[in-house]
Amino acid sequence: MSNEKYNGWTNRETWLIPLWWNECPIEEIEAESKEDAIAALAVRLEEIFHETNETPATGLAADLFAGAVARINWHEIAEHYIDDIELTVR
């Protein structure tokens, strides 16, 4: 992966998620520490993404979609929501 930044984010794919999700899709997360909360939220955000978006079945569109999704930095997005939007951590 190249060292590209996009509007302050890791890449365009990562930047698009919080752009489309104006708010964090969950309100709180249980964790022992901020680092644990970020890790847990990153996993949950990726799950929500896959639950709410159809993956093209085959062909070029499927390959392009898979490549773009693989580039999303879920950890960075989770950290953004916890730091900037002050997601409740308990």
N, C-alpha and C. Protein backbone atom coordinates (compact mmCIF):
# COMPACT_ATOMS: atom_id res chain seq x y z
N MET A 1 0.85 -1.18 0.00
CA MET A 1 0.00 0.00 0.00
C MET A 1 0.89 1.24 0.00
N SER A 2 0.55 2.19 -0.83
CA SER A 2 1.35 3.41 -0.91
C SER A 2 1.09 4.30 0.30
N ASN A 3 1.98 5.24 0.50
CA ASN A 3 1.86 6.17 1.62
C ASN A 3 1.01 7.36 1.17
N GLU A 4 -0.28 7.12 0.98
CA GLU A 4 -1.16 8.19 0.54
C GLU A 4 -2.03 8.66 1.70
N LYS A 5 -2.29 9.93 1.74
CA LYS A 5 -3.21 10.51 2.71
C LYS A 5 -4.34 11.15 1.92
N TYR A 6 -5.51 11.19 2.52
CA TYR A 6 -6.64 11.82 1.86
C TYR A 6 -7.42 12.62 2.89
N ASN A 7 -7.39 13.92 2.76
CA ASN A 7 -8.07 14.83 3.70
C ASN A 7 -7.75 14.50 5.15
N GLY A 8 -6.50 14.14 5.41
CA GLY A 8 -6.05 13.84 6.77
C GLY A 8 -6.25 12.41 7.20
N TRP A 9 -6.85 11.59 6.37
CA TRP A 9 -7.10 10.18 6.68
C TRP A 9 -6.08 9.30 5.97
N THR A 10 -6.02 8.04 6.35
CA THR A 10 -5.09 7.08 5.76
C THR A 10 -5.22 7.05 4.24
N ASN A 11 -6.44 7.03 3.75
CA ASN A 11 -6.70 6.95 2.31
C ASN A 11 -8.15 7.35 2.05
N ARG A 12 -8.51 7.42 0.80
CA ARG A 12 -9.88 7.84 0.43
C ARG A 12 -10.92 6.88 0.95
N GLU A 13 -10.65 5.59 0.91
CA GLU A 13 -11.63 4.59 1.36
C GLU A 13 -11.95 4.79 2.84
N THR A 14 -10.93 5.07 3.64
CA THR A 14 -11.13 5.30 5.07
C THR A 14 -11.90 6.60 5.30
N TRP A 15 -11.56 7.63 4.57
CA TRP A 15 -12.22 8.92 4.68
C TRP A 15 -13.72 8.84 4.37
N LEU A 16 -14.09 7.98 3.41
CA LEU A 16 -15.48 7.89 2.98
C LEU A 16 -16.43 7.37 4.07
N ILE A 17 -15.96 6.48 4.92
CA ILE A 17 -16.86 5.87 5.92
C ILE A 17 -17.45 6.92 6.85
N PRO A 18 -16.65 7.72 7.57
CA PRO A 18 -17.26 8.73 8.44
C PRO A 18 -17.99 9.82 7.65
N LEU A 19 -17.62 10.00 6.38
CA LEU A 19 -18.34 10.97 5.55
C LEU A 19 -19.78 10.50 5.34
N TRP A 20 -19.95 9.21 5.05
CA TRP A 20 -21.29 8.66 4.82
C TRP A 20 -22.01 8.38 6.14
N TRP A 21 -21.25 7.98 7.15
CA TRP A 21 -21.84 7.77 8.47
C TRP A 21 -21.64 9.06 9.25
N ASN A 22 -22.57 9.98 9.16
CA ASN A 22 -22.42 11.27 9.84
C ASN A 22 -22.21 11.10 11.33
N GLU A 23 -22.77 10.06 11.88
CA GLU A 23 -22.62 9.75 13.30
C GLU A 23 -22.16 8.31 13.44
N CYS A 24 -21.53 8.03 14.55
CA CYS A 24 -21.13 6.66 14.83
C CYS A 24 -22.39 5.81 14.92
N PRO A 25 -22.42 4.65 14.27
CA PRO A 25 -23.64 3.83 14.28
C PRO A 25 -23.93 3.13 15.61
N ILE A 26 -23.05 3.25 16.58
CA ILE A 26 -23.34 2.74 17.92
C ILE A 26 -23.05 3.86 18.92
N GLU A 27 -23.72 3.81 20.06
CA GLU A 27 -23.63 4.91 21.01
C GLU A 27 -22.62 4.70 22.13
N GLU A 28 -22.36 3.45 22.46
CA GLU A 28 -21.39 3.19 23.52
C GLU A 28 -20.75 1.83 23.31
N ILE A 29 -19.64 1.65 23.98
CA ILE A 29 -18.92 0.38 23.87
C ILE A 29 -18.31 0.07 25.23
N GLU A 30 -18.34 -1.20 25.59
CA GLU A 30 -17.77 -1.60 26.87
C GLU A 30 -16.33 -2.04 26.65
N ALA A 31 -15.42 -1.46 27.46
CA ALA A 31 -14.01 -1.81 27.35
C ALA A 31 -13.30 -1.39 28.62
N GLU A 32 -12.18 -2.02 28.87
CA GLU A 32 -11.38 -1.72 30.06
C GLU A 32 -10.52 -0.47 29.88
N SER A 33 -10.17 -0.17 28.64
CA SER A 33 -9.30 0.97 28.37
C SER A 33 -9.69 1.58 27.03
N LYS A 34 -9.14 2.74 26.78
CA LYS A 34 -9.39 3.40 25.50
C LYS A 34 -8.89 2.55 24.34
N GLU A 35 -7.72 1.94 24.49
CA GLU A 35 -7.17 1.10 23.43
C GLU A 35 -8.07 -0.11 23.15
N ASP A 36 -8.60 -0.72 24.22
CA ASP A 36 -9.53 -1.84 24.05
C ASP A 36 -10.81 -1.38 23.37
N ALA A 37 -11.26 -0.18 23.74
CA ALA A 37 -12.48 0.36 23.13
C ALA A 37 -12.29 0.60 21.64
N ILE A 38 -11.14 1.14 21.28
CA ILE A 38 -10.85 1.39 19.86
C ILE A 38 -10.83 0.07 19.10
N ALA A 39 -10.16 -0.93 19.65
CA ALA A 39 -10.08 -2.23 18.97
C ALA A 39 -11.46 -2.86 18.83
N ALA A 40 -12.25 -2.82 19.90
CA ALA A 40 -13.59 -3.41 19.85
C ALA A 40 -14.50 -2.66 18.89
N LEU A 41 -14.41 -1.34 18.91
CA LEU A 41 -15.24 -0.54 18.01
C LEU A 41 -14.85 -0.77 16.56
N ALA A 42 -13.57 -0.88 16.28
CA ALA A 42 -13.11 -1.13 14.91
C ALA A 42 -13.72 -2.41 14.36
N VAL A 43 -13.73 -3.46 15.17
CA VAL A 43 -14.32 -4.73 14.75
C VAL A 43 -15.81 -4.56 14.50
N ARG A 44 -16.50 -3.88 15.42
CA ARG A 44 -17.94 -3.70 15.29
C ARG A 44 -18.30 -2.84 14.10
N LEU A 45 -17.52 -1.79 13.83
CA LEU A 45 -17.78 -0.95 12.67
C LEU A 45 -17.66 -1.73 11.36
N GLU A 46 -16.64 -2.57 11.29
CA GLU A 46 -16.49 -3.38 10.08
C GLU A 46 -17.66 -4.34 9.92
N GLU A 47 -18.11 -4.93 11.02
CA GLU A 47 -19.28 -5.82 10.97
C GLU A 47 -20.51 -5.07 10.48
N ILE A 48 -20.74 -3.88 11.02
CA ILE A 48 -21.89 -3.08 10.61
C ILE A 48 -21.80 -2.75 9.12
N PHE A 49 -20.61 -2.40 8.67
CA PHE A 49 -20.43 -2.10 7.25
C PHE A 49 -20.85 -3.28 6.38
N HIS A 50 -20.39 -4.47 6.74
CA HIS A 50 -20.71 -5.64 5.92
C HIS A 50 -22.17 -6.04 6.05
N GLU A 51 -22.78 -5.79 7.19
CA GLU A 51 -24.20 -6.09 7.39
C GLU A 51 -25.10 -5.17 6.57
N THR A 52 -24.65 -3.96 6.33
CA THR A 52 -25.51 -2.95 5.70
C THR A 52 -25.16 -2.64 4.25
N ASN A 53 -24.15 -3.29 3.71
CA ASN A 53 -23.76 -3.04 2.32
C ASN A 53 -23.67 -4.35 1.56
N GLU A 54 -24.30 -4.36 0.40
CA GLU A 54 -24.25 -5.56 -0.44
C GLU A 54 -22.92 -5.64 -1.17
N THR A 55 -22.32 -6.79 -1.12
CA THR A 55 -21.09 -7.05 -1.85
C THR A 55 -21.46 -7.59 -3.22
N PRO A 56 -20.93 -7.00 -4.28
CA PRO A 56 -21.19 -7.56 -5.61
C PRO A 56 -20.77 -9.04 -5.64
N ALA A 57 -21.56 -9.86 -6.29
CA ALA A 57 -21.36 -11.31 -6.26
C ALA A 57 -20.10 -11.76 -7.01
N THR A 58 -19.92 -11.30 -8.21
CA THR A 58 -18.81 -11.78 -9.03
C THR A 58 -18.31 -10.67 -9.95
N GLY A 59 -17.22 -10.97 -10.61
CA GLY A 59 -16.73 -10.10 -11.66
C GLY A 59 -15.87 -8.94 -11.18
N LEU A 60 -15.68 -8.03 -12.09
CA LEU A 60 -14.83 -6.87 -11.85
C LEU A 60 -15.32 -6.05 -10.66
N ALA A 61 -16.62 -5.82 -10.58
CA ALA A 61 -17.16 -5.02 -9.47
C ALA A 61 -16.86 -5.67 -8.13
N ALA A 62 -16.96 -6.98 -8.05
CA ALA A 62 -16.66 -7.70 -6.80
C ALA A 62 -15.19 -7.55 -6.44
N ASP A 63 -14.32 -7.66 -7.41
CA ASP A 63 -12.89 -7.52 -7.15
C ASP A 63 -12.54 -6.10 -6.72
N LEU A 64 -13.11 -5.11 -7.38
CA LEU A 64 -12.86 -3.72 -7.02
C LEU A 64 -13.38 -3.40 -5.62
N PHE A 65 -14.57 -3.89 -5.33
CA PHE A 65 -15.18 -3.67 -4.02
C PHE A 65 -14.32 -4.29 -2.93
N ALA A 66 -13.90 -5.53 -3.13
CA ALA A 66 -13.08 -6.22 -2.13
C ALA A 66 -11.76 -5.48 -1.91
N GLY A 67 -11.16 -5.00 -2.97
CA GLY A 67 -9.91 -4.27 -2.85
C GLY A 67 -10.09 -2.97 -2.09
N ALA A 68 -11.16 -2.26 -2.36
CA ALA A 68 -11.42 -0.99 -1.67
C ALA A 68 -11.71 -1.23 -0.19
N VAL A 69 -12.51 -2.22 0.12
CA VAL A 69 -12.87 -2.52 1.51
C VAL A 69 -11.63 -2.94 2.29
N ALA A 70 -10.74 -3.69 1.66
CA ALA A 70 -9.52 -4.14 2.34
C ALA A 70 -8.62 -2.97 2.75
N ARG A 71 -8.76 -1.85 2.08
CA ARG A 71 -7.93 -0.68 2.38
C ARG A 71 -8.46 0.18 3.53
N ILE A 72 -9.71 -0.06 3.95
CA ILE A 72 -10.30 0.77 5.00
C ILE A 72 -9.59 0.53 6.32
N ASN A 73 -9.20 1.61 6.96
CA ASN A 73 -8.51 1.55 8.25
C ASN A 73 -9.57 1.71 9.36
N TRP A 74 -10.15 0.59 9.77
CA TRP A 74 -11.23 0.61 10.76
C TRP A 74 -10.74 1.13 12.11
N HIS A 75 -9.49 0.86 12.44
CA HIS A 75 -8.92 1.33 13.70
C HIS A 75 -8.90 2.86 13.74
N GLU A 76 -8.50 3.47 12.64
CA GLU A 76 -8.46 4.93 12.56
C GLU A 76 -9.86 5.53 12.70
N ILE A 77 -10.84 4.91 12.08
CA ILE A 77 -12.22 5.39 12.17
C ILE A 77 -12.73 5.26 13.60
N ALA A 78 -12.45 4.13 14.23
CA ALA A 78 -12.88 3.93 15.61
C ALA A 78 -12.24 4.96 16.53
N GLU A 79 -10.97 5.21 16.33
CA GLU A 79 -10.28 6.21 17.14
C GLU A 79 -10.90 7.60 16.94
N HIS A 80 -11.25 7.91 15.71
CA HIS A 80 -11.92 9.18 15.41
C HIS A 80 -13.21 9.31 16.19
N TYR A 81 -14.03 8.27 16.15
CA TYR A 81 -15.31 8.33 16.86
C TYR A 81 -15.12 8.45 18.36
N ILE A 82 -14.17 7.75 18.91
CA ILE A 82 -13.96 7.81 20.36
C ILE A 82 -13.36 9.15 20.76
N ASP A 83 -12.39 9.66 20.02
CA ASP A 83 -11.73 10.92 20.37
C ASP A 83 -12.55 12.15 20.00
N ASP A 84 -12.98 12.22 18.75
CA ASP A 84 -13.58 13.44 18.24
C ASP A 84 -15.07 13.56 18.54
N ILE A 85 -15.74 12.44 18.58
CA ILE A 85 -17.19 12.48 18.77
C ILE A 85 -17.56 12.07 20.20
N GLU A 86 -16.54 11.71 20.97
CA GLU A 86 -16.71 11.36 22.37
C GLU A 86 -17.73 10.25 22.59
N LEU A 87 -17.54 9.16 21.88
CA LEU A 87 -18.35 7.97 22.10
C LEU A 87 -18.20 7.55 23.55
N THR A 88 -19.26 7.14 24.18
CA THR A 88 -19.23 6.73 25.57
C THR A 88 -18.52 5.39 25.70
N VAL A 89 -17.49 5.35 26.53
CA VAL A 89 -16.76 4.12 26.80
C VAL A 89 -17.04 3.74 28.24
N ARG A 90 -17.60 2.53 28.45
CA ARG A 90 -17.84 2.09 29.81
C ARG A 90 -17.36 0.67 29.99
